[in-house]
Amino acid sequence: MVAWGNNWSGQTNVPPSLTNVVAIAAQVALVGEGPPQLVAPVSCPKWSGGQFSLTVQAESGHVYRLEYRDSLTEGEWTPLPLVAGRPGDLELTDSTATDTTRFYRVRRW
């Protein structure tokens, strides 16, 4: 994993127990179960207007879902609505996001 940013407030301190990271930006880590599958690369994570979104390189015939939880060490992943894949970029959005830390993952079927 690679971290970047201004470390004056600990922004680049990566938790040593963090594994299976797909992407990290703006205090958001995208993690998965087992080794990350790079068949659906995640890009463009952003926080805007009280919601979090990211882009996935999607494919037809697959279904995608953004999931989150507030801690990497406890609790279940909270699923957001399923989104049907189509060729090209697909934006997945968490309209319930708050300004507290959340961890996200993308599931693909």
PDB file of N, CA and C in Angstrom:
ATOM      1  N   MET A   1       0.847  -1.172   0.000  1.00  0.00           N
ATOM      2  CA  MET A   1       0.000   0.000   0.000  1.00  0.00           C
ATOM      3  C   MET A   1       0.889   1.231   0.000  1.00  0.00           C
ATOM      4  N   VAL A   2       0.419   2.285  -0.634  1.00  0.00           N
ATOM      5  CA  VAL A   2       1.130   3.554  -0.692  1.00  0.00           C
ATOM      6  C   VAL A   2       0.226   4.621  -0.102  1.00  0.00           C
ATOM      7  N   ALA A   3       0.797   5.504   0.708  1.00  0.00           N
ATOM      8  CA  ALA A   3       0.036   6.625   1.267  1.00  0.00           C
ATOM      9  C   ALA A   3       0.721   7.912   0.856  1.00  0.00           C
ATOM     10  N   TRP A   4      -0.064   8.964   0.727  1.00  0.00           N
ATOM     11  CA  TRP A   4       0.486  10.254   0.330  1.00  0.00           C
ATOM     12  C   TRP A   4      -0.292  11.361   1.022  1.00  0.00           C
ATOM     13  N   GLY A   5       0.248  12.560   1.010  1.00  0.00           N
ATOM     14  CA  GLY A   5      -0.446  13.694   1.594  1.00  0.00           C
ATOM     15  C   GLY A   5       0.462  14.484   2.511  1.00  0.00           C
ATOM     16  N   ASN A   6      -0.110  15.426   3.205  1.00  0.00           N
ATOM     17  CA  ASN A   6       0.609  16.272   4.148  1.00  0.00           C
ATOM     18  C   ASN A   6       0.544  15.605   5.506  1.00  0.00           C
ATOM     19  N   ASN A   7       1.674  15.175   6.040  1.00  0.00           N
ATOM     20  CA  ASN A   7       1.667  14.403   7.279  1.00  0.00           C
ATOM     21  C   ASN A   7       1.665  15.263   8.536  1.00  0.00           C
ATOM     22  N   TRP A   8       1.415  16.556   8.437  1.00  0.00           N
ATOM     23  CA  TRP A   8       1.421  17.407   9.627  1.00  0.00           C
ATOM     24  C   TRP A   8       0.337  17.000  10.617  1.00  0.00           C
ATOM     25  N   SER A   9      -0.726  16.345  10.157  1.00  0.00           N
ATOM     26  CA  SER A   9      -1.774  15.915  11.080  1.00  0.00           C
ATOM     27  C   SER A   9      -1.978  14.406  11.036  1.00  0.00           C
ATOM     28  N   GLY A  10      -0.955  13.662  10.601  1.00  0.00           N
ATOM     29  CA  GLY A  10      -1.050  12.209  10.576  1.00  0.00           C
ATOM     30  C   GLY A  10      -1.827  11.655   9.411  1.00  0.00           C
ATOM     31  N   GLN A  11      -2.033  12.442   8.367  1.00  0.00           N
ATOM     32  CA  GLN A  11      -2.845  12.004   7.231  1.00  0.00           C
ATOM     33  C   GLN A  11      -2.276  10.788   6.529  1.00  0.00           C
ATOM     34  N   THR A  12      -0.959  10.618   6.574  1.00  0.00           N
ATOM     35  CA  THR A  12      -0.376   9.497   5.834  1.00  0.00           C
ATOM     36  C   THR A  12      -0.013   8.319   6.727  1.00  0.00           C
ATOM     37  N   ASN A  13      -0.485   8.313   7.956  1.00  0.00           N
ATOM     38  CA  ASN A  13      -0.214   7.187   8.847  1.00  0.00           C
ATOM     39  C   ASN A  13      -1.140   6.036   8.487  1.00  0.00           C
ATOM     40  N   VAL A  14      -0.582   5.005   7.880  1.00  0.00           N
ATOM     41  CA  VAL A  14      -1.357   3.854   7.448  1.00  0.00           C
ATOM     42  C   VAL A  14      -1.420   2.852   8.597  1.00  0.00           C
ATOM     43  N   PRO A  15      -2.625   2.389   8.983  1.00  0.00           N
ATOM     44  CA  PRO A  15      -2.721   1.405  10.059  1.00  0.00           C
ATOM     45  C   PRO A  15      -1.936   0.151   9.693  1.00  0.00           C
ATOM     46  N   PRO A  16      -1.054  -0.335  10.579  1.00  0.00           N
ATOM     47  CA  PRO A  16      -0.214  -1.488  10.241  1.00  0.00           C
ATOM     48  C   PRO A  16      -1.007  -2.774  10.006  1.00  0.00           C
ATOM     49  N   SER A  17      -2.216  -2.885  10.552  1.00  0.00           N
ATOM     50  CA  SER A  17      -3.011  -4.100  10.389  1.00  0.00           C
ATOM     51  C   SER A  17      -3.878  -4.080   9.136  1.00  0.00           C
ATOM     52  N   LEU A  18      -3.840  -3.022   8.356  1.00  0.00           N
ATOM     53  CA  LEU A  18      -4.673  -2.891   7.169  1.00  0.00           C
ATOM     54  C   LEU A  18      -4.153  -3.792   6.060  1.00  0.00           C
ATOM     55  N   THR A  19      -4.991  -4.701   5.576  1.00  0.00           N
ATOM     56  CA  THR A  19      -4.599  -5.635   4.518  1.00  0.00           C
ATOM     57  C   THR A  19      -5.635  -5.616   3.411  1.00  0.00           C
ATOM     58  N   ASN A  20      -5.293  -6.207   2.268  1.00  0.00           N
ATOM     59  CA  ASN A  20      -6.205  -6.343   1.133  1.00  0.00           C
ATOM     60  C   ASN A  20      -6.745  -5.004   0.649  1.00  0.00           C
ATOM     61  N   VAL A  21      -5.872  -4.014   0.614  1.00  0.00           N
ATOM     62  CA  VAL A  21      -6.285  -2.675   0.214  1.00  0.00           C
ATOM     63  C   VAL A  21      -6.355  -2.585  -1.298  1.00  0.00           C
ATOM     64  N   VAL A  22      -7.465  -2.098  -1.806  1.00  0.00           N
ATOM     65  CA  VAL A  22      -7.642  -1.870  -3.232  1.00  0.00           C
ATOM     66  C   VAL A  22      -7.245  -0.446  -3.574  1.00  0.00           C
ATOM     67  N   ALA A  23      -7.638   0.530  -2.736  1.00  0.00           N
ATOM     68  CA  ALA A  23      -7.292   1.929  -2.952  1.00  0.00           C
ATOM     69  C   ALA A  23      -7.459   2.682  -1.648  1.00  0.00           C
ATOM     70  N   ILE A  24      -6.765   3.793  -1.521  1.00  0.00           N
ATOM     71  CA  ILE A  24      -6.914   4.634  -0.339  1.00  0.00           C
ATOM     72  C   ILE A  24      -6.801   6.092  -0.753  1.00  0.00           C
ATOM     73  N   ALA A  25      -7.685   6.925  -0.235  1.00  0.00           N
ATOM     74  CA  ALA A  25      -7.643   8.358  -0.510  1.00  0.00           C
ATOM     75  C   ALA A  25      -8.525   9.069   0.494  1.00  0.00           C
ATOM     76  N   ALA A  26      -8.104  10.222   0.929  1.00  0.00           N
ATOM     77  CA  ALA A  26      -8.899  11.088   1.804  1.00  0.00           C
ATOM     78  C   ALA A  26      -9.499  10.335   2.989  1.00  0.00           C
ATOM     79  N   GLN A  27      -8.691   9.599   3.720  1.00  0.00           N
ATOM     80  CA  GLN A  27      -9.099   8.828   4.894  1.00  0.00           C
ATOM     81  C   GLN A  27     -10.092   7.727   4.567  1.00  0.00           C
ATOM     82  N   VAL A  28     -10.119   7.261   3.328  1.00  0.00           N
ATOM     83  CA  VAL A  28     -11.003   6.181   2.915  1.00  0.00           C
ATOM     84  C   VAL A  28     -10.145   5.052   2.395  1.00  0.00           C
ATOM     85  N   ALA A  29     -10.289   3.870   2.973  1.00  0.00           N
ATOM     86  CA  ALA A  29      -9.575   2.701   2.477  1.00  0.00           C
ATOM     87  C   ALA A  29     -10.583   1.732   1.886  1.00  0.00           C
ATOM     88  N   LEU A  30     -10.342   1.255   0.711  1.00  0.00           N
ATOM     89  CA  LEU A  30     -11.198   0.269   0.068  1.00  0.00           C
ATOM     90  C   LEU A  30     -10.536  -1.089   0.251  1.00  0.00           C
ATOM     91  N   VAL A  31     -11.216  -1.990   0.949  1.00  0.00           N
ATOM     92  CA  VAL A  31     -10.638  -3.290   1.254  1.00  0.00           C
ATOM     93  C   VAL A  31     -11.541  -4.392   0.745  1.00  0.00           C
ATOM     94  N   GLY A  32     -10.998  -5.591   0.614  1.00  0.00           N
ATOM     95  CA  GLY A  32     -11.780  -6.721   0.154  1.00  0.00           C
ATOM     96  C   GLY A  32     -11.441  -7.967   0.940  1.00  0.00           C
ATOM     97  N   GLU A  33     -12.187  -9.030   0.733  1.00  0.00           N
ATOM     98  CA  GLU A  33     -11.917 -10.311   1.356  1.00  0.00           C
ATOM     99  C   GLU A  33     -10.955 -11.067   0.455  1.00  0.00           C
ATOM    100  N   GLY A  34      -9.856 -11.559   0.999  1.00  0.00           N
ATOM    101  CA  GLY A  34      -8.855 -12.232   0.191  1.00  0.00           C
ATOM    102  C   GLY A  34      -8.094 -11.229  -0.644  1.00  0.00           C
ATOM    103  N   PRO A  35      -7.254 -11.729  -1.538  1.00  0.00           N
ATOM    104  CA  PRO A  35      -6.474 -10.803  -2.371  1.00  0.00           C
ATOM    105  C   PRO A  35      -7.396  -9.954  -3.240  1.00  0.00           C
ATOM    106  N   PRO A  36      -7.062  -8.691  -3.418  1.00  0.00           N
ATOM    107  CA  PRO A  36      -7.903  -7.833  -4.259  1.00  0.00           C
ATOM    108  C   PRO A  36      -7.979  -8.356  -5.688  1.00  0.00           C
ATOM    109  N   GLN A  37      -9.151  -8.278  -6.288  1.00  0.00           N
ATOM    110  CA  GLN A  37      -9.317  -8.627  -7.682  1.00  0.00           C
ATOM    111  C   GLN A  37      -9.234  -7.341  -8.490  1.00  0.00           C
ATOM    112  N   LEU A  38      -8.294  -7.289  -9.407  1.00  0.00           N
ATOM    113  CA  LEU A  38      -8.087  -6.070 -10.168  1.00  0.00           C
ATOM    114  C   LEU A  38      -8.903  -6.046 -11.451  1.00  0.00           C
ATOM    115  N   VAL A  39      -9.951  -6.859 -11.515  1.00  0.00           N
ATOM    116  CA  VAL A  39     -10.798  -6.889 -12.704  1.00  0.00           C
ATOM    117  C   VAL A  39     -11.752  -5.705 -12.739  1.00  0.00           C
ATOM    118  N   ALA A  40     -11.935  -5.029 -11.617  1.00  0.00           N
ATOM    119  CA  ALA A  40     -12.810  -3.862 -11.558  1.00  0.00           C
ATOM    120  C   ALA A  40     -12.076  -2.758 -10.806  1.00  0.00           C
ATOM    121  N   PRO A  41     -11.080  -2.139 -11.448  1.00  0.00           N
ATOM    122  CA  PRO A  41     -10.310  -1.102 -10.755  1.00  0.00           C
ATOM    123  C   PRO A  41     -11.185   0.059 -10.297  1.00  0.00           C
ATOM    124  N   VAL A  42     -10.893   0.551  -9.107  1.00  0.00           N
ATOM    125  CA  VAL A  42     -11.613   1.675  -8.517  1.00  0.00           C
ATOM    126  C   VAL A  42     -10.815   2.945  -8.776  1.00  0.00           C
ATOM    127  N   SER A  43     -11.514   4.019  -9.111  1.00  0.00           N
ATOM    128  CA  SER A  43     -10.846   5.299  -9.326  1.00  0.00           C
ATOM    129  C   SER A  43     -11.763   6.437  -8.896  1.00  0.00           C
ATOM    130  N   CYS A  44     -11.238   7.618  -8.888  1.00  0.00           N
ATOM    131  CA  CYS A  44     -11.976   8.858  -8.633  1.00  0.00           C
ATOM    132  C   CYS A  44     -12.784   8.866  -7.338  1.00  0.00           C
ATOM    133  N   PRO A  45     -12.220   8.429  -6.190  1.00  0.00           N
ATOM    134  CA  PRO A  45     -12.990   8.565  -4.954  1.00  0.00           C
ATOM    135  C   PRO A  45     -13.161  10.050  -4.642  1.00  0.00           C
ATOM    136  N   LYS A  46     -14.390  10.429  -4.262  1.00  0.00           N
ATOM    137  CA  LYS A  46     -14.609  11.850  -3.952  1.00  0.00           C
ATOM    138  C   LYS A  46     -15.722  12.019  -2.925  1.00  0.00           C
ATOM    139  N   TRP A  47     -15.612  13.106  -2.201  1.00  0.00           N
ATOM    140  CA  TRP A  47     -16.600  13.532  -1.215  1.00  0.00           C
ATOM    141  C   TRP A  47     -17.141  14.860  -1.705  1.00  0.00           C
ATOM    142  N   SER A  48     -18.444  14.933  -1.939  1.00  0.00           N
ATOM    143  CA  SER A  48     -19.017  16.176  -2.455  1.00  0.00           C
ATOM    144  C   SER A  48     -20.491  16.243  -2.076  1.00  0.00           C
ATOM    145  N   GLY A  49     -20.905  17.382  -1.591  1.00  0.00           N
ATOM    146  CA  GLY A  49     -22.322  17.597  -1.305  1.00  0.00           C
ATOM    147  C   GLY A  49     -22.915  16.616  -0.317  1.00  0.00           C
ATOM    148  N   GLY A  50     -22.133  16.171   0.665  1.00  0.00           N
ATOM    149  CA  GLY A  50     -22.649  15.243   1.673  1.00  0.00           C
ATOM    150  C   GLY A  50     -22.762  13.807   1.203  1.00  0.00           C
ATOM    151  N   GLN A  51     -22.063  13.450   0.126  1.00  0.00           N
ATOM    152  CA  GLN A  51     -22.072  12.050  -0.294  1.00  0.00           C
ATOM    153  C   GLN A  51     -20.694  11.631  -0.791  1.00  0.00           C
ATOM    154  N   PHE A  52     -20.412  10.343  -0.678  1.00  0.00           N
ATOM    155  CA  PHE A  52     -19.163   9.770  -1.147  1.00  0.00           C
ATOM    156  C   PHE A  52     -19.456   8.975  -2.411  1.00  0.00           C
ATOM    157  N   SER A  53     -18.566   9.069  -3.384  1.00  0.00           N
ATOM    158  CA  SER A  53     -18.734   8.266  -4.599  1.00  0.00           C
ATOM    159  C   SER A  53     -17.369   7.845  -5.118  1.00  0.00           C
ATOM    160  N   LEU A  54     -17.389   6.823  -5.938  1.00  0.00           N
ATOM    161  CA  LEU A  54     -16.195   6.355  -6.617  1.00  0.00           C
ATOM    162  C   LEU A  54     -16.608   5.765  -7.945  1.00  0.00           C
ATOM    163  N   THR A  55     -15.641   5.555  -8.805  1.00  0.00           N
ATOM    164  CA  THR A  55     -15.905   5.010 -10.130  1.00  0.00           C
ATOM    165  C   THR A  55     -15.270   3.638 -10.240  1.00  0.00           C
ATOM    166  N   VAL A  56     -15.994   2.716 -10.861  1.00  0.00           N
ATOM    167  CA  VAL A  56     -15.519   1.353 -11.100  1.00  0.00           C
ATOM    168  C   VAL A  56     -15.532   1.109 -12.604  1.00  0.00           C
ATOM    169  N   GLN A  57     -14.491   0.464 -13.101  1.00  0.00           N
ATOM    170  CA  GLN A  57     -14.489   0.033 -14.506  1.00  0.00           C
ATOM    171  C   GLN A  57     -15.377  -1.207 -14.565  1.00  0.00           C
ATOM    172  N   ALA A  58     -16.575  -1.058 -15.065  1.00  0.00           N
ATOM    173  CA  ALA A  58     -17.592  -2.111 -15.005  1.00  0.00           C
ATOM    174  C   ALA A  58     -17.677  -2.901 -16.306  1.00  0.00           C
ATOM    175  N   GLU A  59     -18.379  -4.014 -16.206  1.00  0.00           N
ATOM    176  CA  GLU A  59     -18.628  -4.887 -17.354  1.00  0.00           C
ATOM    177  C   GLU A  59     -20.093  -5.301 -17.354  1.00  0.00           C
ATOM    178  N   SER A  60     -20.650  -5.504 -18.528  1.00  0.00           N
ATOM    179  CA  SER A  60     -22.010  -6.043 -18.638  1.00  0.00           C
ATOM    180  C   SER A  60     -22.023  -7.453 -18.065  1.00  0.00           C
ATOM    181  N   GLY A  61     -23.167  -7.859 -17.529  1.00  0.00           N
ATOM    182  CA  GLY A  61     -23.304  -9.200 -16.986  1.00  0.00           C
ATOM    183  C   GLY A  61     -22.864  -9.329 -15.545  1.00  0.00           C
ATOM    184  N   HIS A  62     -22.393  -8.241 -14.944  1.00  0.00           N
ATOM    185  CA  HIS A  62     -22.002  -8.247 -13.535  1.00  0.00           C
ATOM    186  C   HIS A  62     -22.859  -7.249 -12.777  1.00  0.00           C
ATOM    187  N   VAL A  63     -22.957  -7.462 -11.472  1.00  0.00           N
ATOM    188  CA  VAL A  63     -23.656  -6.549 -10.584  1.00  0.00           C
ATOM    189  C   VAL A  63     -22.641  -6.052  -9.566  1.00  0.00           C
ATOM    190  N   TYR A  64     -22.712  -4.768  -9.211  1.00  0.00           N
ATOM    191  CA  TYR A  64     -21.752  -4.141  -8.317  1.00  0.00           C
ATOM    192  C   TYR A  64     -22.476  -3.552  -7.116  1.00  0.00           C
ATOM    193  N   ARG A  65     -21.778  -3.541  -5.976  1.00  0.00           N
ATOM    194  CA  ARG A  65     -22.374  -2.938  -4.782  1.00  0.00           C
ATOM    195  C   ARG A  65     -21.277  -2.309  -3.941  1.00  0.00           C
ATOM    196  N   LEU A  66     -21.499  -1.069  -3.536  1.00  0.00           N
ATOM    197  CA  LEU A  66     -20.630  -0.383  -2.595  1.00  0.00           C
ATOM    198  C   LEU A  66     -21.098  -0.738  -1.197  1.00  0.00           C
ATOM    199  N   GLU A  67     -20.159  -1.080  -0.314  1.00  0.00           N
ATOM    200  CA  GLU A  67     -20.472  -1.407   1.072  1.00  0.00           C
ATOM    201  C   GLU A  67     -19.544  -0.603   1.972  1.00  0.00           C
ATOM    202  N   TYR A  68     -19.993  -0.330   3.199  1.00  0.00           N
ATOM    203  CA  TYR A  68     -19.148   0.419   4.127  1.00  0.00           C
ATOM    204  C   TYR A  68     -19.289  -0.119   5.542  1.00  0.00           C
ATOM    205  N   ARG A  69     -18.325   0.260   6.350  1.00  0.00           N
ATOM    206  CA  ARG A  69     -18.437   0.091   7.794  1.00  0.00           C
ATOM    207  C   ARG A  69     -17.565   1.151   8.450  1.00  0.00           C
ATOM    208  N   ASP A  70     -17.839   1.413   9.724  1.00  0.00           N
ATOM    209  CA  ASP A  70     -17.172   2.506  10.422  1.00  0.00           C
ATOM    210  C   ASP A  70     -15.880   2.079  11.103  1.00  0.00           C
ATOM    211  N   SER A  71     -15.613   0.772  11.160  1.00  0.00           N
ATOM    212  CA  SER A  71     -14.398   0.267  11.782  1.00  0.00           C
ATOM    213  C   SER A  71     -13.932  -0.952  11.004  1.00  0.00           C
ATOM    214  N   LEU A  72     -12.621  -1.107  10.861  1.00  0.00           N
ATOM    215  CA  LEU A  72     -12.108  -2.299  10.179  1.00  0.00           C
ATOM    216  C   LEU A  72     -12.040  -3.501  11.100  1.00  0.00           C
ATOM    217  N   THR A  73     -12.188  -3.284  12.401  1.00  0.00           N
ATOM    218  CA  THR A  73     -12.016  -4.379  13.349  1.00  0.00           C
ATOM    219  C   THR A  73     -13.313  -4.924  13.915  1.00  0.00           C
ATOM    220  N   GLU A  74     -14.428  -4.263  13.691  1.00  0.00           N
ATOM    221  CA  GLU A  74     -15.686  -4.763  14.232  1.00  0.00           C
ATOM    222  C   GLU A  74     -16.859  -4.339  13.375  1.00  0.00           C
ATOM    223  N   GLY A  75     -17.938  -5.072  13.519  1.00  0.00           N
ATOM    224  CA  GLY A  75     -19.161  -4.712  12.801  1.00  0.00           C
ATOM    225  C   GLY A  75     -19.256  -5.350  11.429  1.00  0.00           C
ATOM    226  N   GLU A  76     -20.477  -5.403  10.937  1.00  0.00           N
ATOM    227  CA  GLU A  76     -20.761  -5.953   9.620  1.00  0.00           C
ATOM    228  C   GLU A  76     -20.652  -4.856   8.567  1.00  0.00           C
ATOM    229  N   TRP A  77     -20.401  -5.249   7.328  1.00  0.00           N
ATOM    230  CA  TRP A  77     -20.418  -4.300   6.216  1.00  0.00           C
ATOM    231  C   TRP A  77     -21.870  -3.926   5.946  1.00  0.00           C
ATOM    232  N   THR A  78     -22.141  -2.646   5.751  1.00  0.00           N
ATOM    233  CA  THR A  78     -23.478  -2.157   5.427  1.00  0.00           C
ATOM    234  C   THR A  78     -23.590  -2.070   3.908  1.00  0.00           C
ATOM    235  N   PRO A  79     -24.489  -2.861   3.317  1.00  0.00           N
ATOM    236  CA  PRO A  79     -24.608  -2.846   1.853  1.00  0.00           C
ATOM    237  C   PRO A  79     -25.440  -1.662   1.364  1.00  0.00           C
ATOM    238  N   LEU A  80     -25.020  -1.101   0.263  1.00  0.00           N
ATOM    239  CA  LEU A  80     -25.788  -0.070  -0.433  1.00  0.00           C
ATOM    240  C   LEU A  80     -26.459  -0.745  -1.637  1.00  0.00           C
ATOM    241  N   PRO A  81     -27.321  -0.069  -2.367  1.00  0.00           N
ATOM    242  CA  PRO A  81     -28.068  -0.731  -3.447  1.00  0.00           C
ATOM    243  C   PRO A  81     -27.169  -1.354  -4.524  1.00  0.00           C
ATOM    244  N   LEU A  82     -27.649  -2.466  -5.080  1.00  0.00           N
ATOM    245  CA  LEU A  82     -26.972  -3.117  -6.196  1.00  0.00           C
ATOM    246  C   LEU A  82     -27.105  -2.256  -7.447  1.00  0.00           C
ATOM    247  N   VAL A  83     -26.057  -2.288  -8.265  1.00  0.00           N
ATOM    248  CA  VAL A  83     -26.063  -1.528  -9.513  1.00  0.00           C
ATOM    249  C   VAL A  83     -25.657  -2.462 -10.640  1.00  0.00           C
ATOM    250  N   ALA A  84     -26.473  -2.546 -11.689  1.00  0.00           N
ATOM    251  CA  ALA A  84     -26.168  -3.406 -12.834  1.00  0.00           C
ATOM    252  C   ALA A  84     -24.987  -2.845 -13.605  1.00  0.00           C
ATOM    253  N   GLY A  85     -24.083  -3.733 -13.973  1.00  0.00           N
ATOM    254  CA  GLY A  85     -22.916  -3.312 -14.738  1.00  0.00           C
ATOM    255  C   GLY A  85     -23.256  -3.044 -16.194  1.00  0.00           C
ATOM    256  N   ARG A  86     -22.454  -2.209 -16.797  1.00  0.00           N
ATOM    257  CA  ARG A  86     -22.533  -1.907 -18.228  1.00  0.00           C
ATOM    258  C   ARG A  86     -21.109  -1.575 -18.636  1.00  0.00           C
ATOM    259  N   PRO A  87     -20.759  -1.697 -19.883  1.00  0.00           N
ATOM    260  CA  PRO A  87     -19.376  -1.416 -20.277  1.00  0.00           C
ATOM    261  C   PRO A  87     -18.976   0.026 -19.957  1.00  0.00           C
ATOM    262  N   GLY A  88     -17.790   0.198 -19.381  1.00  0.00           N
ATOM    263  CA  GLY A  88     -17.278   1.535 -19.102  1.00  0.00           C
ATOM    264  C   GLY A  88     -17.330   1.896 -17.633  1.00  0.00           C
ATOM    265  N   ASP A  89     -17.180   3.184 -17.356  1.00  0.00           N
ATOM    266  CA  ASP A  89     -17.165   3.680 -15.985  1.00  0.00           C
ATOM    267  C   ASP A  89     -18.552   3.650 -15.368  1.00  0.00           C
ATOM    268  N   LEU A  90     -18.607   3.203 -14.117  1.00  0.00           N
ATOM    269  CA  LEU A  90     -19.851   3.130 -13.366  1.00  0.00           C
ATOM    270  C   LEU A  90     -19.615   3.817 -12.032  1.00  0.00           C
ATOM    271  N   GLU A  91     -20.419   4.828 -11.710  1.00  0.00           N
ATOM    272  CA  GLU A  91     -20.259   5.531 -10.442  1.00  0.00           C
ATOM    273  C   GLU A  91     -21.117   4.869  -9.375  1.00  0.00           C
ATOM    274  N   LEU A  92     -20.501   4.545  -8.239  1.00  0.00           N
ATOM    275  CA  LEU A  92     -21.201   4.004  -7.086  1.00  0.00           C
ATOM    276  C   LEU A  92     -21.184   5.078  -6.010  1.00  0.00           C
ATOM    277  N   THR A  93     -22.330   5.306  -5.356  1.00  0.00           N
ATOM    278  CA  THR A  93     -22.479   6.442  -4.447  1.00  0.00           C
ATOM    279  C   THR A  93     -23.047   6.013  -3.100  1.00  0.00           C
ATOM    280  N   ASP A  94     -22.515   6.613  -2.045  1.00  0.00           N
ATOM    281  CA  ASP A  94     -23.069   6.487  -0.699  1.00  0.00           C
ATOM    282  C   ASP A  94     -23.680   7.831  -0.343  1.00  0.00           C
ATOM    283  N   SER A  95     -24.990   7.955  -0.497  1.00  0.00           N
ATOM    284  CA  SER A  95     -25.669   9.216  -0.200  1.00  0.00           C
ATOM    285  C   SER A  95     -25.935   9.373   1.292  1.00  0.00           C
ATOM    286  N   THR A  96     -25.602   8.346   2.103  1.00  0.00           N
ATOM    287  CA  THR A  96     -25.784   8.427   3.553  1.00  0.00           C
ATOM    288  C   THR A  96     -24.481   8.763   4.257  1.00  0.00           C
ATOM    289  N   ALA A  97     -23.421   9.056   3.499  1.00  0.00           N
ATOM    290  CA  ALA A  97     -22.109   9.318   4.092  1.00  0.00           C
ATOM    291  C   ALA A  97     -22.160  10.502   5.048  1.00  0.00           C
ATOM    292  N   THR A  98     -21.338  10.408   6.087  1.00  0.00           N
ATOM    293  CA  THR A  98     -21.199  11.496   7.056  1.00  0.00           C
ATOM    294  C   THR A  98     -19.745  11.957   7.027  1.00  0.00           C
ATOM    295  N   ASP A  99     -19.414  12.975   7.812  1.00  0.00           N
ATOM    296  CA  ASP A  99     -18.031  13.410   7.807  1.00  0.00           C
ATOM    297  C   ASP A  99     -17.185  12.673   8.845  1.00  0.00           C
ATOM    298  N   THR A 100     -17.638  11.499   9.294  1.00  0.00           N
ATOM    299  CA  THR A 100     -16.803  10.627  10.116  1.00  0.00           C
ATOM    300  C   THR A 100     -16.126   9.616   9.192  1.00  0.00           C
ATOM    301  N   THR A 101     -15.095   8.970   9.692  1.00  0.00           N
ATOM    302  CA  THR A 101     -14.360   8.004   8.877  1.00  0.00           C
ATOM    303  C   THR A 101     -15.227   6.794   8.561  1.00  0.00           C
ATOM    304  N   ARG A 102     -15.230   6.399   7.297  1.00  0.00           N
ATOM    305  CA  ARG A 102     -15.896   5.179   6.852  1.00  0.00           C
ATOM    306  C   ARG A 102     -14.932   4.415   5.964  1.00  0.00           C
ATOM    307  N   PHE A 103     -15.037   3.101   5.994  1.00  0.00           N
ATOM    308  CA  PHE A 103     -14.227   2.244   5.147  1.00  0.00           C
ATOM    309  C   PHE A 103     -15.148   1.618   4.116  1.00  0.00           C
ATOM    310  N   TYR A 104     -14.718   1.603   2.869  1.00  0.00           N
ATOM    311  CA  TYR A 104     -15.562   1.127   1.767  1.00  0.00           C
ATOM    312  C   TYR A 104     -14.927  -0.067   1.067  1.00  0.00           C
ATOM    313  N   ARG A 105     -15.788  -0.880   0.502  1.00  0.00           N
ATOM    314  CA  ARG A 105     -15.356  -1.928  -0.415  1.00  0.00           C
ATOM    315  C   ARG A 105     -16.394  -2.037  -1.515  1.00  0.00           C
ATOM    316  N   VAL A 106     -15.961  -2.560  -2.643  1.00  0.00           N
ATOM    317  CA  VAL A 106     -16.850  -2.792  -3.780  1.00  0.00           C
ATOM    318  C   VAL A 106     -16.936  -4.297  -3.982  1.00  0.00           C
ATOM    319  N   ARG A 107     -18.152  -4.807  -4.061  1.00  0.00           N
ATOM    320  CA  ARG A 107     -18.379  -6.233  -4.331  1.00  0.00           C
ATOM    321  C   ARG A 107     -18.872  -6.365  -5.769  1.00  0.00           C
ATOM    322  N   ARG A 108     -18.448  -7.414  -6.412  1.00  0.00           N
ATOM    323  CA  ARG A 108     -18.867  -7.674  -7.797  1.00  0.00           C
ATOM    324  C   ARG A 108     -19.303  -9.118  -7.933  1.00  0.00           C
ATOM    325  N   TRP A 109     -20.457  -9.301  -8.565  1.00  0.00           N
ATOM    326  CA  TRP A 109     -20.956 -10.652  -8.851  1.00  0.00           C
ATOM    327  C   TRP A 109     -21.110 -10.829 -10.330  1.00  0.00           C
TER     328      TRP A 109
END
